[in-house]
Amino acid sequence: MTARELAARLADLHRREKSIAALLFGIEYARDIEECRNLMGLSRNAVIIEIVQLSGIPPSYTINVDKGIRMAPYVSVRRRPSRKSN
């Protein structure tokens, strides 16, 4: 995935799950971010900064994306059950 594609996914997740979006994004897309880093030839931190900037979310979320990436080998994302309307 490109940095722009990753940024679009981060922005979408942030709209739905503001408080935990950056951590979830880092966990779920850790491999894609690493591939993007290799393609761009940048450090992990530089790629995270680029993705966060492109997504339009506040720069302070960079830290949480990085934390999510570091957590990725140890955790997995469970999908929240969809709510059925009555």
Foldseek 3Di string as FASTA:
>chain_A
DELLVLLQVLLVQCVVPVVQSLLQSLQVCLVVLVVNCVVVVHDSLVSLQSSPVSNVDDSVSSVNSVVNVVCNVPDDDDDDDDDDDD
